[in-house]
Amino acid sequence: MKIGIPKEVHSGEKRVATTPAVTEQLIKLGFSVCVESGAGEAANFSDESYKEAGATIAKTAKTLYKNADIIFKVRGPEMHPKLGVDEIELLNEGSTLISFIWPAQNEELIKRLAARKVNVLAMDC
């Protein structure tokens, strides 16, 4: 199973969904991990540090999403400012999203993810 770690697109967001140290542990568990180039930059994790942990680096968000079975994100999906598309549209049908979702406050988001047939694990529940 391939885990994808995209760069967060929310304005001012500096967090990344996993660190190089956790990436290394995920790989030891048998997952492959792909990190979007620059995803950890604002949190002071370089692409090179993820490579050293065993991850591959995707040049684009579209490539990352296309090849991932599981997506780790800090924030729920939102409009991708550079691609002009909602991140929900980048998720593969049947894939799994692990993120902070706040389902009780985001009923519309839950409906849209369900319509896309995405499995969701809300970190806040």
PDB file of N, CA and C in Angstrom:
ATOM      1  N   MET A   1       0.855  -1.185   0.000  1.00  0.00           N
ATOM      2  CA  MET A   1       0.000   0.000   0.000  1.00  0.00           C
ATOM      3  C   MET A   1       0.893   1.238   0.000  1.00  0.00           C
ATOM      4  N   LYS A   2       0.500   2.208  -0.808  1.00  0.00           N
ATOM      5  CA  LYS A   2       1.285   3.430  -0.937  1.00  0.00           C
ATOM      6  C   LYS A   2       0.592   4.582  -0.212  1.00  0.00           C
ATOM      7  N   ILE A   3       1.346   5.197   0.692  1.00  0.00           N
ATOM      8  CA  ILE A   3       0.874   6.368   1.436  1.00  0.00           C
ATOM      9  C   ILE A   3       1.409   7.615   0.746  1.00  0.00           C
ATOM     10  N   GLY A   4       0.527   8.573   0.498  1.00  0.00           N
ATOM     11  CA  GLY A   4       0.912   9.839  -0.104  1.00  0.00           C
ATOM     12  C   GLY A   4       0.799  10.972   0.901  1.00  0.00           C
ATOM     13  N   ILE A   5       1.813  11.808   0.930  1.00  0.00           N
ATOM     14  CA  ILE A   5       1.830  12.971   1.826  1.00  0.00           C
ATOM     15  C   ILE A   5       1.896  14.225   0.958  1.00  0.00           C
ATOM     16  N   PRO A   6       0.741  14.870   0.718  1.00  0.00           N
ATOM     17  CA  PRO A   6       0.767  16.084  -0.107  1.00  0.00           C
ATOM     18  C   PRO A   6       1.185  17.315   0.695  1.00  0.00           C
ATOM     19  N   LYS A   7       1.594  18.323  -0.024  1.00  0.00           N
ATOM     20  CA  LYS A   7       1.869  19.620   0.591  1.00  0.00           C
ATOM     21  C   LYS A   7       0.530  20.235   0.966  1.00  0.00           C
ATOM     22  N   GLU A   8       0.427  20.760   2.171  1.00  0.00           N
ATOM     23  CA  GLU A   8      -0.810  21.409   2.598  1.00  0.00           C
ATOM     24  C   GLU A   8      -1.007  22.695   1.807  1.00  0.00           C
ATOM     25  N   VAL A   9      -2.248  22.931   1.376  1.00  0.00           N
ATOM     26  CA  VAL A   9      -2.517  24.091   0.519  1.00  0.00           C
ATOM     27  C   VAL A   9      -3.204  25.245   1.252  1.00  0.00           C
ATOM     28  N   HIS A  10      -3.613  25.026   2.498  1.00  0.00           N
ATOM     29  CA  HIS A  10      -4.286  26.083   3.254  1.00  0.00           C
ATOM     30  C   HIS A  10      -3.293  27.219   3.517  1.00  0.00           C
ATOM     31  N   SER A  11      -3.726  28.435   3.252  1.00  0.00           N
ATOM     32  CA  SER A  11      -2.874  29.609   3.440  1.00  0.00           C
ATOM     33  C   SER A  11      -2.333  29.671   4.873  1.00  0.00           C
ATOM     34  N   GLY A  12      -1.028  29.793   4.998  1.00  0.00           N
ATOM     35  CA  GLY A  12      -0.390  29.922   6.301  1.00  0.00           C
ATOM     36  C   GLY A  12      -0.125  28.613   7.022  1.00  0.00           C
ATOM     37  N   GLU A  13      -0.574  27.497   6.466  1.00  0.00           N
ATOM     38  CA  GLU A  13      -0.355  26.197   7.121  1.00  0.00           C
ATOM     39  C   GLU A  13       1.108  25.799   6.999  1.00  0.00           C
ATOM     40  N   LYS A  14       1.735  25.527   8.138  1.00  0.00           N
ATOM     41  CA  LYS A  14       3.149  25.156   8.149  1.00  0.00           C
ATOM     42  C   LYS A  14       3.370  23.689   8.485  1.00  0.00           C
ATOM     43  N   ARG A  15       2.322  23.009   8.899  1.00  0.00           N
ATOM     44  CA  ARG A  15       2.481  21.606   9.297  1.00  0.00           C
ATOM     45  C   ARG A  15       2.492  20.677   8.084  1.00  0.00           C
ATOM     46  N   VAL A  16       3.024  19.493   8.317  1.00  0.00           N
ATOM     47  CA  VAL A  16       3.022  18.422   7.328  1.00  0.00           C
ATOM     48  C   VAL A  16       2.495  17.186   8.057  1.00  0.00           C
ATOM     49  N   ALA A  17       1.851  16.296   7.327  1.00  0.00           N
ATOM     50  CA  ALA A  17       1.140  15.183   7.955  1.00  0.00           C
ATOM     51  C   ALA A  17       2.045  14.117   8.571  1.00  0.00           C
ATOM     52  N   THR A  18       3.297  14.066   8.203  1.00  0.00           N
ATOM     53  CA  THR A  18       4.216  13.130   8.847  1.00  0.00           C
ATOM     54  C   THR A  18       5.643  13.649   8.731  1.00  0.00           C
ATOM     55  N   THR A  19       6.484  13.132   9.581  1.00  0.00           N
ATOM     56  CA  THR A  19       7.885  13.530   9.620  1.00  0.00           C
ATOM     57  C   THR A  19       8.751  12.463   8.956  1.00  0.00           C
ATOM     58  N   PRO A  20       9.989  12.777   8.660  1.00  0.00           N
ATOM     59  CA  PRO A  20      10.881  11.737   8.141  1.00  0.00           C
ATOM     60  C   PRO A  20      11.022  10.546   9.101  1.00  0.00           C
ATOM     61  N   ALA A  21      11.078  10.794  10.404  1.00  0.00           N
ATOM     62  CA  ALA A  21      11.210   9.692  11.370  1.00  0.00           C
ATOM     63  C   ALA A  21      10.001   8.760  11.320  1.00  0.00           C
ATOM     64  N   VAL A  22       8.809   9.321  11.226  1.00  0.00           N
ATOM     65  CA  VAL A  22       7.597   8.498  11.131  1.00  0.00           C
ATOM     66  C   VAL A  22       7.547   7.804   9.772  1.00  0.00           C
ATOM     67  N   THR A  23       7.995   8.492   8.748  1.00  0.00           N
ATOM     68  CA  THR A  23       8.063   7.892   7.413  1.00  0.00           C
ATOM     69  C   THR A  23       8.897   6.618   7.452  1.00  0.00           C
ATOM     70  N   GLU A  24      10.023   6.677   8.107  1.00  0.00           N
ATOM     71  CA  GLU A  24      10.900   5.513   8.223  1.00  0.00           C
ATOM     72  C   GLU A  24      10.177   4.358   8.918  1.00  0.00           C
ATOM     73  N   GLN A  25       9.400   4.665   9.956  1.00  0.00           N
ATOM     74  CA  GLN A  25       8.651   3.628  10.669  1.00  0.00           C
ATOM     75  C   GLN A  25       7.557   3.027   9.786  1.00  0.00           C
ATOM     76  N   LEU A  26       6.872   3.858   9.020  1.00  0.00           N
ATOM     77  CA  LEU A  26       5.831   3.370   8.112  1.00  0.00           C
ATOM     78  C   LEU A  26       6.417   2.408   7.076  1.00  0.00           C
ATOM     79  N   ILE A  27       7.587   2.737   6.585  1.00  0.00           N
ATOM     80  CA  ILE A  27       8.253   1.878   5.609  1.00  0.00           C
ATOM     81  C   ILE A  27       8.644   0.549   6.252  1.00  0.00           C
ATOM     82  N   LYS A  28       9.108   0.580   7.487  1.00  0.00           N
ATOM     83  CA  LYS A  28       9.434  -0.653   8.212  1.00  0.00           C
ATOM     84  C   LYS A  28       8.202  -1.535   8.398  1.00  0.00           C
ATOM     85  N   LEU A  29       7.027  -0.913   8.456  1.00  0.00           N
ATOM     86  CA  LEU A  29       5.771  -1.660   8.590  1.00  0.00           C
ATOM     87  C   LEU A  29       5.293  -2.235   7.258  1.00  0.00           C
ATOM     88  N   GLY A  30       5.987  -1.906   6.185  1.00  0.00           N
ATOM     89  CA  GLY A  30       5.652  -2.470   4.877  1.00  0.00           C
ATOM     90  C   GLY A  30       4.956  -1.536   3.912  1.00  0.00           C
ATOM     91  N   PHE A  31       4.724  -0.297   4.307  1.00  0.00           N
ATOM     92  CA  PHE A  31       4.128   0.690   3.413  1.00  0.00           C
ATOM     93  C   PHE A  31       5.215   1.313   2.544  1.00  0.00           C
ATOM     94  N   SER A  32       4.832   1.781   1.378  1.00  0.00           N
ATOM     95  CA  SER A  32       5.722   2.667   0.639  1.00  0.00           C
ATOM     96  C   SER A  32       5.164   4.071   0.846  1.00  0.00           C
ATOM     97  N   VAL A  33       6.045   5.035   0.905  1.00  0.00           N
ATOM     98  CA  VAL A  33       5.643   6.411   1.199  1.00  0.00           C
ATOM     99  C   VAL A  33       6.167   7.325   0.106  1.00  0.00           C
ATOM    100  N   CYS A  34       5.271   8.179  -0.383  1.00  0.00           N
ATOM    101  CA  CYS A  34       5.623   9.177  -1.379  1.00  0.00           C
ATOM    102  C   CYS A  34       5.225  10.541  -0.817  1.00  0.00           C
ATOM    103  N   VAL A  35       6.152  11.477  -0.877  1.00  0.00           N
ATOM    104  CA  VAL A  35       5.937  12.820  -0.341  1.00  0.00           C
ATOM    105  C   VAL A  35       6.005  13.815  -1.496  1.00  0.00           C
ATOM    106  N   GLU A  36       5.028  14.714  -1.547  1.00  0.00           N
ATOM    107  CA  GLU A  36       5.071  15.755  -2.576  1.00  0.00           C
ATOM    108  C   GLU A  36       6.260  16.674  -2.313  1.00  0.00           C
ATOM    109  N   SER A  37       6.971  17.020  -3.344  1.00  0.00           N
ATOM    110  CA  SER A  37       8.117  17.907  -3.208  1.00  0.00           C
ATOM    111  C   SER A  37       7.705  19.198  -2.491  1.00  0.00           C
ATOM    112  N   GLY A  38       8.464  19.537  -1.467  1.00  0.00           N
ATOM    113  CA  GLY A  38       8.201  20.748  -0.691  1.00  0.00           C
ATOM    114  C   GLY A  38       7.185  20.588   0.418  1.00  0.00           C
ATOM    115  N   ALA A  39       6.622  19.398   0.584  1.00  0.00           N
ATOM    116  CA  ALA A  39       5.565  19.203   1.592  1.00  0.00           C
ATOM    117  C   ALA A  39       6.033  19.524   3.004  1.00  0.00           C
ATOM    118  N   GLY A  40       7.269  19.222   3.320  1.00  0.00           N
ATOM    119  CA  GLY A  40       7.766  19.446   4.671  1.00  0.00           C
ATOM    120  C   GLY A  40       8.556  20.726   4.853  1.00  0.00           C
ATOM    121  N   GLU A  41       8.711  21.474   3.786  1.00  0.00           N
ATOM    122  CA  GLU A  41       9.559  22.666   3.808  1.00  0.00           C
ATOM    123  C   GLU A  41       9.198  23.662   4.919  1.00  0.00           C
ATOM    124  N   ALA A  42       7.919  24.002   5.056  1.00  0.00           N
ATOM    125  CA  ALA A  42       7.497  24.988   6.067  1.00  0.00           C
ATOM    126  C   ALA A  42       7.669  24.460   7.494  1.00  0.00           C
ATOM    127  N   ALA A  43       7.784  23.132   7.635  1.00  0.00           N
ATOM    128  CA  ALA A  43       7.996  22.519   8.945  1.00  0.00           C
ATOM    129  C   ALA A  43       9.469  22.145   9.146  1.00  0.00           C
ATOM    130  N   ASN A  44      10.313  22.650   8.273  1.00  0.00           N
ATOM    131  CA  ASN A  44      11.762  22.436   8.332  1.00  0.00           C
ATOM    132  C   ASN A  44      12.192  20.990   8.070  1.00  0.00           C
ATOM    133  N   PHE A  45      11.449  20.287   7.198  1.00  0.00           N
ATOM    134  CA  PHE A  45      11.839  18.957   6.753  1.00  0.00           C
ATOM    135  C   PHE A  45      12.081  19.036   5.244  1.00  0.00           C
ATOM    136  N   SER A  46      13.282  18.762   4.841  1.00  0.00           N
ATOM    137  CA  SER A  46      13.631  18.852   3.422  1.00  0.00           C
ATOM    138  C   SER A  46      13.202  17.595   2.672  1.00  0.00           C
ATOM    139  N   ASP A  47      13.088  17.728   1.370  1.00  0.00           N
ATOM    140  CA  ASP A  47      12.832  16.555   0.527  1.00  0.00           C
ATOM    141  C   ASP A  47      13.913  15.508   0.766  1.00  0.00           C
ATOM    142  N   GLU A  48      15.147  15.967   0.906  1.00  0.00           N
ATOM    143  CA  GLU A  48      16.273  15.054   1.117  1.00  0.00           C
ATOM    144  C   GLU A  48      16.095  14.238   2.404  1.00  0.00           C
ATOM    145  N   SER A  49      15.564  14.869   3.463  1.00  0.00           N
ATOM    146  CA  SER A  49      15.366  14.124   4.720  1.00  0.00           C
ATOM    147  C   SER A  49      14.322  13.020   4.549  1.00  0.00           C
ATOM    148  N   TYR A  50      13.310  13.259   3.725  1.00  0.00           N
ATOM    149  CA  TYR A  50      12.327  12.210   3.445  1.00  0.00           C
ATOM    150  C   TYR A  50      12.949  11.108   2.586  1.00  0.00           C
ATOM    151  N   LYS A  51      13.781  11.493   1.631  1.00  0.00           N
ATOM    152  CA  LYS A  51      14.471  10.494   0.803  1.00  0.00           C
ATOM    153  C   LYS A  51      15.361   9.609   1.667  1.00  0.00           C
ATOM    154  N   GLU A  52      16.098  10.228   2.592  1.00  0.00           N
ATOM    155  CA  GLU A  52      16.976   9.476   3.498  1.00  0.00           C
ATOM    156  C   GLU A  52      16.178   8.497   4.359  1.00  0.00           C
ATOM    157  N   ALA A  53      14.925   8.834   4.648  1.00  0.00           N
ATOM    158  CA  ALA A  53      14.055   7.948   5.434  1.00  0.00           C
ATOM    159  C   ALA A  53      13.467   6.826   4.579  1.00  0.00           C
ATOM    160  N   GLY A  54      13.650   6.927   3.254  1.00  0.00           N
ATOM    161  CA  GLY A  54      13.170   5.876   2.361  1.00  0.00           C
ATOM    162  C   GLY A  54      11.991   6.243   1.487  1.00  0.00           C
ATOM    163  N   ALA A  55      11.514   7.469   1.598  1.00  0.00           N
ATOM    164  CA  ALA A  55      10.368   7.907   0.791  1.00  0.00           C
ATOM    165  C   ALA A  55      10.812   8.273  -0.618  1.00  0.00           C
ATOM    166  N   THR A  56       9.858   8.226  -1.536  1.00  0.00           N
ATOM    167  CA  THR A  56      10.080   8.795  -2.850  1.00  0.00           C
ATOM    168  C   THR A  56       9.459  10.191  -2.848  1.00  0.00           C
ATOM    169  N   ILE A  57       9.889  11.018  -3.766  1.00  0.00           N
ATOM    170  CA  ILE A  57       9.389  12.394  -3.849  1.00  0.00           C
ATOM    171  C   ILE A  57       8.635  12.552  -5.159  1.00  0.00           C
ATOM    172  N   ALA A  58       7.386  13.011  -5.062  1.00  0.00           N
ATOM    173  CA  ALA A  58       6.570  13.290  -6.245  1.00  0.00           C
ATOM    174  C   ALA A  58       6.754  14.753  -6.611  1.00  0.00           C
ATOM    175  N   LYS A  59       6.945  15.017  -7.877  1.00  0.00           N
ATOM    176  CA  LYS A  59       7.144  16.392  -8.323  1.00  0.00           C
ATOM    177  C   LYS A  59       5.867  17.207  -8.265  1.00  0.00           C
ATOM    178  N   THR A  60       4.715  16.548  -8.445  1.00  0.00           N
ATOM    179  CA  THR A  60       3.445  17.280  -8.478  1.00  0.00           C
ATOM    180  C   THR A  60       2.399  16.625  -7.580  1.00  0.00           C
ATOM    181  N   ALA A  61       1.429  17.424  -7.175  1.00  0.00           N
ATOM    182  CA  ALA A  61       0.314  16.907  -6.375  1.00  0.00           C
ATOM    183  C   ALA A  61      -0.491  15.888  -7.166  1.00  0.00           C
ATOM    184  N   LYS A  62      -0.711  16.161  -8.439  1.00  0.00           N
ATOM    185  CA  LYS A  62      -1.496  15.229  -9.259  1.00  0.00           C
ATOM    186  C   LYS A  62      -0.849  13.856  -9.310  1.00  0.00           C
ATOM    187  N   THR A  63       0.452  13.800  -9.483  1.00  0.00           N
ATOM    188  CA  THR A  63       1.163  12.525  -9.509  1.00  0.00           C
ATOM    189  C   THR A  63       1.038  11.817  -8.165  1.00  0.00           C
ATOM    190  N   LEU A  64       1.214  12.560  -7.085  1.00  0.00           N
ATOM    191  CA  LEU A  64       1.124  11.980  -5.746  1.00  0.00           C
ATOM    192  C   LEU A  64      -0.249  11.351  -5.522  1.00  0.00           C
ATOM    193  N   TYR A  65      -1.307  12.109  -5.749  1.00  0.00           N
ATOM    194  CA  TYR A  65      -2.664  11.608  -5.515  1.00  0.00           C
ATOM    195  C   TYR A  65      -2.984  10.422  -6.422  1.00  0.00           C
ATOM    196  N   LYS A  66      -2.578  10.505  -7.670  1.00  0.00           N
ATOM    197  CA  LYS A  66      -2.894   9.454  -8.642  1.00  0.00           C
ATOM    198  C   LYS A  66      -2.354   8.094  -8.205  1.00  0.00           C
ATOM    199  N   ASN A  67      -1.194   8.085  -7.559  1.00  0.00           N
ATOM    200  CA  ASN A  67      -0.526   6.834  -7.223  1.00  0.00           C
ATOM    201  C   ASN A  67      -0.705   6.388  -5.782  1.00  0.00           C
ATOM    202  N   ALA A  68      -1.459   7.123  -4.977  1.00  0.00           N
ATOM    203  CA  ALA A  68      -1.579   6.798  -3.549  1.00  0.00           C
ATOM    204  C   ALA A  68      -2.855   6.016  -3.237  1.00  0.00           C
ATOM    205  N   ASP A  69      -2.709   5.037  -2.360  1.00  0.00           N
ATOM    206  CA  ASP A  69      -3.854   4.303  -1.825  1.00  0.00           C
ATOM    207  C   ASP A  69      -4.405   5.000  -0.581  1.00  0.00           C
ATOM    208  N   ILE A  70      -3.500   5.628   0.161  1.00  0.00           N
ATOM    209  CA  ILE A  70      -3.831   6.311   1.408  1.00  0.00           C
ATOM    210  C   ILE A  70      -3.214   7.703   1.350  1.00  0.00           C
ATOM    211  N   ILE A  71      -3.987   8.708   1.745  1.00  0.00           N
ATOM    212  CA  ILE A  71      -3.476  10.078   1.813  1.00  0.00           C
ATOM    213  C   ILE A  71      -3.498  10.524   3.267  1.00  0.00           C
ATOM    214  N   PHE A  72      -2.367  11.015   3.738  1.00  0.00           N
ATOM    215  CA  PHE A  72      -2.272  11.650   5.059  1.00  0.00           C
ATOM    216  C   PHE A  72      -2.267  13.154   4.816  1.00  0.00           C
ATOM    217  N   LYS A  73      -3.179  13.880   5.469  1.00  0.00           N
ATOM    218  CA  LYS A  73      -3.212  15.338   5.410  1.00  0.00           C
ATOM    219  C   LYS A  73      -3.446  15.890   6.802  1.00  0.00           C
ATOM    220  N   VAL A  74      -2.978  17.096   7.042  1.00  0.00           N
ATOM    221  CA  VAL A  74      -3.288  17.773   8.294  1.00  0.00           C
ATOM    222  C   VAL A  74      -4.713  18.322   8.223  1.00  0.00           C
ATOM    223  N   ARG A  75      -4.993  19.091   7.218  1.00  0.00           N
ATOM    224  CA  ARG A  75      -6.315  19.705   7.033  1.00  0.00           C
ATOM    225  C   ARG A  75      -7.113  18.920   6.006  1.00  0.00           C
ATOM    226  N   GLY A  76      -8.425  19.012   6.137  1.00  0.00           N
ATOM    227  CA  GLY A  76      -9.298  18.358   5.176  1.00  0.00           C
ATOM    228  C   GLY A  76      -9.112  18.915   3.786  1.00  0.00           C
ATOM    229  N   PRO A  77      -9.627  18.213   2.792  1.00  0.00           N
ATOM    230  CA  PRO A  77      -9.494  18.665   1.408  1.00  0.00           C
ATOM    231  C   PRO A  77     -10.122  20.042   1.188  1.00  0.00           C
ATOM    232  N   GLU A  78      -9.475  20.819   0.353  1.00  0.00           N
ATOM    233  CA  GLU A  78      -9.978  22.139   0.001  1.00  0.00           C
ATOM    234  C   GLU A  78      -9.518  22.469  -1.425  1.00  0.00           C
ATOM    235  N   MET A  79      -9.911  23.603  -1.911  1.00  0.00           N
ATOM    236  CA  MET A  79      -9.531  24.021  -3.259  1.00  0.00           C
ATOM    237  C   MET A  79      -8.012  24.173  -3.330  1.00  0.00           C
ATOM    238  N   HIS A  80      -7.414  23.529  -4.318  1.00  0.00           N
ATOM    239  CA  HIS A  80      -5.967  23.636  -4.519  1.00  0.00           C
ATOM    240  C   HIS A  80      -5.712  24.898  -5.334  1.00  0.00           C
ATOM    241  N   PRO A  81      -5.065  25.890  -4.733  1.00  0.00           N
ATOM    242  CA  PRO A  81      -4.936  27.184  -5.414  1.00  0.00           C
ATOM    243  C   PRO A  81      -4.132  27.148  -6.708  1.00  0.00           C
ATOM    244  N   LYS A  82      -3.128  26.298  -6.790  1.00  0.00           N
ATOM    245  CA  LYS A  82      -2.301  26.252  -8.003  1.00  0.00           C
ATOM    246  C   LYS A  82      -2.932  25.408  -9.100  1.00  0.00           C
ATOM    247  N   LEU A  83      -3.692  24.387  -8.714  1.00  0.00           N
ATOM    248  CA  LEU A  83      -4.306  23.503  -9.710  1.00  0.00           C
ATOM    249  C   LEU A  83      -5.718  23.930 -10.101  1.00  0.00           C
ATOM    250  N   GLY A  84      -6.341  24.759  -9.259  1.00  0.00           N
ATOM    251  CA  GLY A  84      -7.702  25.202  -9.549  1.00  0.00           C
ATOM    252  C   GLY A  84      -8.727  24.085  -9.461  1.00  0.00           C
ATOM    253  N   VAL A  85      -8.456  23.087  -8.631  1.00  0.00           N
ATOM    254  CA  VAL A  85      -9.358  21.952  -8.458  1.00  0.00           C
ATOM    255  C   VAL A  85      -9.431  21.620  -6.967  1.00  0.00           C
ATOM    256  N   ASP A  86     -10.588  21.154  -6.527  1.00  0.00           N
ATOM    257  CA  ASP A  86     -10.726  20.732  -5.145  1.00  0.00           C
ATOM    258  C   ASP A  86      -9.928  19.453  -4.946  1.00  0.00           C
ATOM    259  N   GLU A  87      -9.241  19.355  -3.834  1.00  0.00           N
ATOM    260  CA  GLU A  87      -8.435  18.162  -3.549  1.00  0.00           C
ATOM    261  C   GLU A  87      -9.278  16.888  -3.523  1.00  0.00           C
ATOM    262  N   ILE A  88     -10.570  17.000  -3.256  1.00  0.00           N
ATOM    263  CA  ILE A  88     -11.440  15.822  -3.288  1.00  0.00           C
ATOM    264  C   ILE A  88     -11.391  15.182  -4.673  1.00  0.00           C
ATOM    265  N   GLU A  89     -11.330  16.004  -5.696  1.00  0.00           N
ATOM    266  CA  GLU A  89     -11.299  15.488  -7.064  1.00  0.00           C
ATOM    267  C   GLU A  89      -9.985  14.769  -7.377  1.00  0.00           C
ATOM    268  N   LEU A  90      -8.960  15.035  -6.596  1.00  0.00           N
ATOM    269  CA  LEU A  90      -7.681  14.362  -6.798  1.00  0.00           C
ATOM    270  C   LEU A  90      -7.634  12.987  -6.131  1.00  0.00           C
ATOM    271  N   LEU A  91      -8.515  12.776  -5.147  1.00  0.00           N
ATOM    272  CA  LEU A  91      -8.540  11.492  -4.431  1.00  0.00           C
ATOM    273  C   LEU A  91      -9.102  10.399  -5.327  1.00  0.00           C
ATOM    274  N   ASN A  92      -8.468   9.242  -5.314  1.00  0.00           N
ATOM    275  CA  ASN A  92      -8.952   8.100  -6.091  1.00  0.00           C
ATOM    276  C   ASN A  92     -10.162   7.466  -5.419  1.00  0.00           C
ATOM    277  N   GLU A  93     -11.103   7.019  -6.212  1.00  0.00           N
ATOM    278  CA  GLU A  93     -12.231   6.276  -5.678  1.00  0.00           C
ATOM    279  C   GLU A  93     -11.694   5.052  -4.940  1.00  0.00           C
ATOM    280  N   GLY A  94     -12.190   4.830  -3.729  1.00  0.00           N
ATOM    281  CA  GLY A  94     -11.753   3.689  -2.931  1.00  0.00           C
ATOM    282  C   GLY A  94     -10.500   3.942  -2.117  1.00  0.00           C
ATOM    283  N   SER A  95      -9.900   5.112  -2.281  1.00  0.00           N
ATOM    284  CA  SER A  95      -8.706   5.426  -1.488  1.00  0.00           C
ATOM    285  C   SER A  95      -9.137   5.810  -0.070  1.00  0.00           C
ATOM    286  N   THR A  96      -8.154   5.970   0.803  1.00  0.00           N
ATOM    287  CA  THR A  96      -8.411   6.322   2.193  1.00  0.00           C
ATOM    288  C   THR A  96      -7.743   7.649   2.505  1.00  0.00           C
ATOM    289  N   LEU A  97      -8.486   8.523   3.160  1.00  0.00           N
ATOM    290  CA  LEU A  97      -7.976   9.814   3.603  1.00  0.00           C
ATOM    291  C   LEU A  97      -7.910   9.801   5.125  1.00  0.00           C
ATOM    292  N   ILE A  98      -6.746  10.124   5.664  1.00  0.00           N
ATOM    293  CA  ILE A  98      -6.563  10.245   7.112  1.00  0.00           C
ATOM    294  C   ILE A  98      -6.189  11.697   7.377  1.00  0.00           C
ATOM    295  N   SER A  99      -7.076  12.395   8.105  1.00  0.00           N
ATOM    296  CA  SER A  99      -6.903  13.834   8.279  1.00  0.00           C
ATOM    297  C   SER A  99      -7.797  14.324   9.415  1.00  0.00           C
ATOM    298  N   PHE A 100      -7.614  15.564   9.801  1.00  0.00           N
ATOM    299  CA  PHE A 100      -8.573  16.226  10.676  1.00  0.00           C
ATOM    300  C   PHE A 100      -9.735  16.652   9.797  1.00  0.00           C
ATOM    301  N   ILE A 101     -10.927  16.165  10.093  1.00  0.00           N
ATOM    302  CA  ILE A 101     -12.098  16.389   9.241  1.00  0.00           C
ATOM    303  C   ILE A 101     -13.208  17.135   9.979  1.00  0.00           C
ATOM    304  N   TRP A 102     -13.345  16.901  11.289  1.00  0.00           N
ATOM    305  CA  TRP A 102     -14.426  17.491  12.080  1.00  0.00           C
ATOM    306  C   TRP A 102     -15.788  17.180  11.438  1.00  0.00           C
ATOM    307  N   PRO A 103     -16.156  15.894  11.342  1.00  0.00           N
ATOM    308  CA  PRO A 103     -17.362  15.509  10.615  1.00  0.00           C
ATOM    309  C   PRO A 103     -18.654  16.156  11.120  1.00  0.00           C
ATOM    310  N   ALA A 104     -18.777  16.374  12.417  1.00  0.00           N
ATOM    311  CA  ALA A 104     -20.009  16.979  12.936  1.00  0.00           C
ATOM    312  C   ALA A 104     -20.173  18.414  12.449  1.00  0.00           C
ATOM    313  N   GLN A 105     -19.074  19.094  12.179  1.00  0.00           N
ATOM    314  CA  GLN A 105     -19.128  20.483  11.709  1.00  0.00           C
ATOM    315  C   GLN A 105     -19.029  20.593  10.186  1.00  0.00           C
ATOM    316  N   ASN A 106     -18.750  19.483   9.514  1.00  0.00           N
ATOM    317  CA  ASN A 106     -18.517  19.530   8.073  1.00  0.00           C
ATOM    318  C   ASN A 106     -19.343  18.484   7.326  1.00  0.00           C
ATOM    319  N   GLU A 107     -20.629  18.539   7.522  1.00  0.00           N
ATOM    320  CA  GLU A 107     -21.525  17.563   6.896  1.00  0.00           C
ATOM    321  C   GLU A 107     -21.405  17.569   5.370  1.00  0.00           C
ATOM    322  N   GLU A 108     -21.301  18.740   4.779  1.00  0.00           N
ATOM    323  CA  GLU A 108     -21.192  18.836   3.319  1.00  0.00           C
ATOM    324  C   GLU A 108     -19.908  18.167   2.818  1.00  0.00           C
ATOM    325  N   LEU A 109     -18.806  18.381   3.522  1.00  0.00           N
ATOM    326  CA  LEU A 109     -17.539  17.750   3.158  1.00  0.00           C
ATOM    327  C   LEU A 109     -17.661  16.225   3.233  1.00  0.00           C
ATOM    328  N   ILE A 110     -18.292  15.722   4.269  1.00  0.00           N
ATOM    329  CA  ILE A 110     -18.481  14.274   4.425  1.00  0.00           C
ATOM    330  C   ILE A 110     -19.315  13.724   3.272  1.00  0.00           C
ATOM    331  N   LYS A 111     -20.353  14.433   2.889  1.00  0.00           N
ATOM    332  CA  LYS A 111     -21.190  13.990   1.768  1.00  0.00           C
ATOM    333  C   LYS A 111     -20.398  13.952   0.463  1.00  0.00           C
ATOM    334  N   ARG A 112     -19.564  14.954   0.254  1.00  0.00           N
ATOM    335  CA  ARG A 112     -18.763  14.998  -0.972  1.00  0.00           C
ATOM    336  C   ARG A 112     -17.720  13.879  -1.000  1.00  0.00           C
ATOM    337  N   LEU A 113     -17.124  13.586   0.140  1.00  0.00           N
ATOM    338  CA  LEU A 113     -16.157  12.479   0.207  1.00  0.00           C
ATOM    339  C   LEU A 113     -16.857  11.139  -0.011  1.00  0.00           C
ATOM    340  N   ALA A 114     -18.046  10.988   0.556  1.00  0.00           N
ATOM    341  CA  ALA A 114     -18.817   9.750   0.369  1.00  0.00           C
ATOM    342  C   ALA A 114     -19.211   9.581  -1.098  1.00  0.00           C
ATOM    343  N   ALA A 115     -19.603  10.665  -1.742  1.00  0.00           N
ATOM    344  CA  ALA A 115     -19.973  10.599  -3.154  1.00  0.00           C
ATOM    345  C   ALA A 115     -18.779  10.185  -4.016  1.00  0.00           C
ATOM    346  N   ARG A 116     -17.600  10.542  -3.589  1.00  0.00           N
ATOM    347  CA  ARG A 116     -16.363  10.179  -4.300  1.00  0.00           C
ATOM    348  C   ARG A 116     -15.920   8.752  -3.925  1.00  0.00           C
ATOM    349  N   LYS A 117     -16.620   8.142  -2.964  1.00  0.00           N
ATOM    350  CA  LYS A 117     -16.322   6.785  -2.473  1.00  0.00           C
ATOM    351  C   LYS A 117     -14.923   6.702  -1.865  1.00  0.00           C
ATOM    352  N   VAL A 118     -14.623   7.702  -1.029  1.00  0.00           N
ATOM    353  CA  VAL A 118     -13.362   7.762  -0.321  1.00  0.00           C
ATOM    354  C   VAL A 118     -13.603   7.312   1.119  1.00  0.00           C
ATOM    355  N   ASN A 119     -12.747   6.435   1.617  1.00  0.00           N
ATOM    356  CA  ASN A 119     -12.791   6.031   3.018  1.00  0.00           C
ATOM    357  C   ASN A 119     -12.115   7.120   3.830  1.00  0.00           C
ATOM    358  N   VAL A 120     -12.700   7.502   4.961  1.00  0.00           N
ATOM    359  CA  VAL A 120     -12.163   8.589   5.742  1.00  0.00           C
ATOM    360  C   VAL A 120     -11.938   8.156   7.187  1.00  0.00           C
ATOM    361  N   LEU A 121     -10.737   8.429   7.689  1.00  0.00           N
ATOM    362  CA  LEU A 121     -10.446   8.265   9.108  1.00  0.00           C
ATOM    363  C   LEU A 121     -10.195   9.667   9.642  1.00  0.00           C
ATOM    364  N   ALA A 122     -11.131  10.170  10.444  1.00  0.00           N
ATOM    365  CA  ALA A 122     -11.021  11.519  10.992  1.00  0.00           C
ATOM    366  C   ALA A 122     -10.170  11.471  12.261  1.00  0.00           C
ATOM    367  N   MET A 123      -9.020  12.107  12.225  1.00  0.00           N
ATOM    368  CA  MET A 123      -8.108  12.089  13.355  1.00  0.00           C
ATOM    369  C   MET A 123      -8.715  12.742  14.596  1.00  0.00           C
ATOM    370  N   ASP A 124      -9.728  13.551  14.417  1.00  0.00           N
ATOM    371  CA  ASP A 124     -10.334  14.269  15.529  1.00  0.00           C
ATOM    372  C   ASP A 124     -11.455  13.486  16.189  1.00  0.00           C
ATOM    373  N   CYS A 125     -11.743  12.300  15.710  1.00  0.00           N
ATOM    374  CA  CYS A 125     -12.821  11.480  16.300  1.00  0.00           C
ATOM    375  C   CYS A 125     -12.271  10.257  16.981  1.00  0.00           C
TER     376      CYS A 125
END
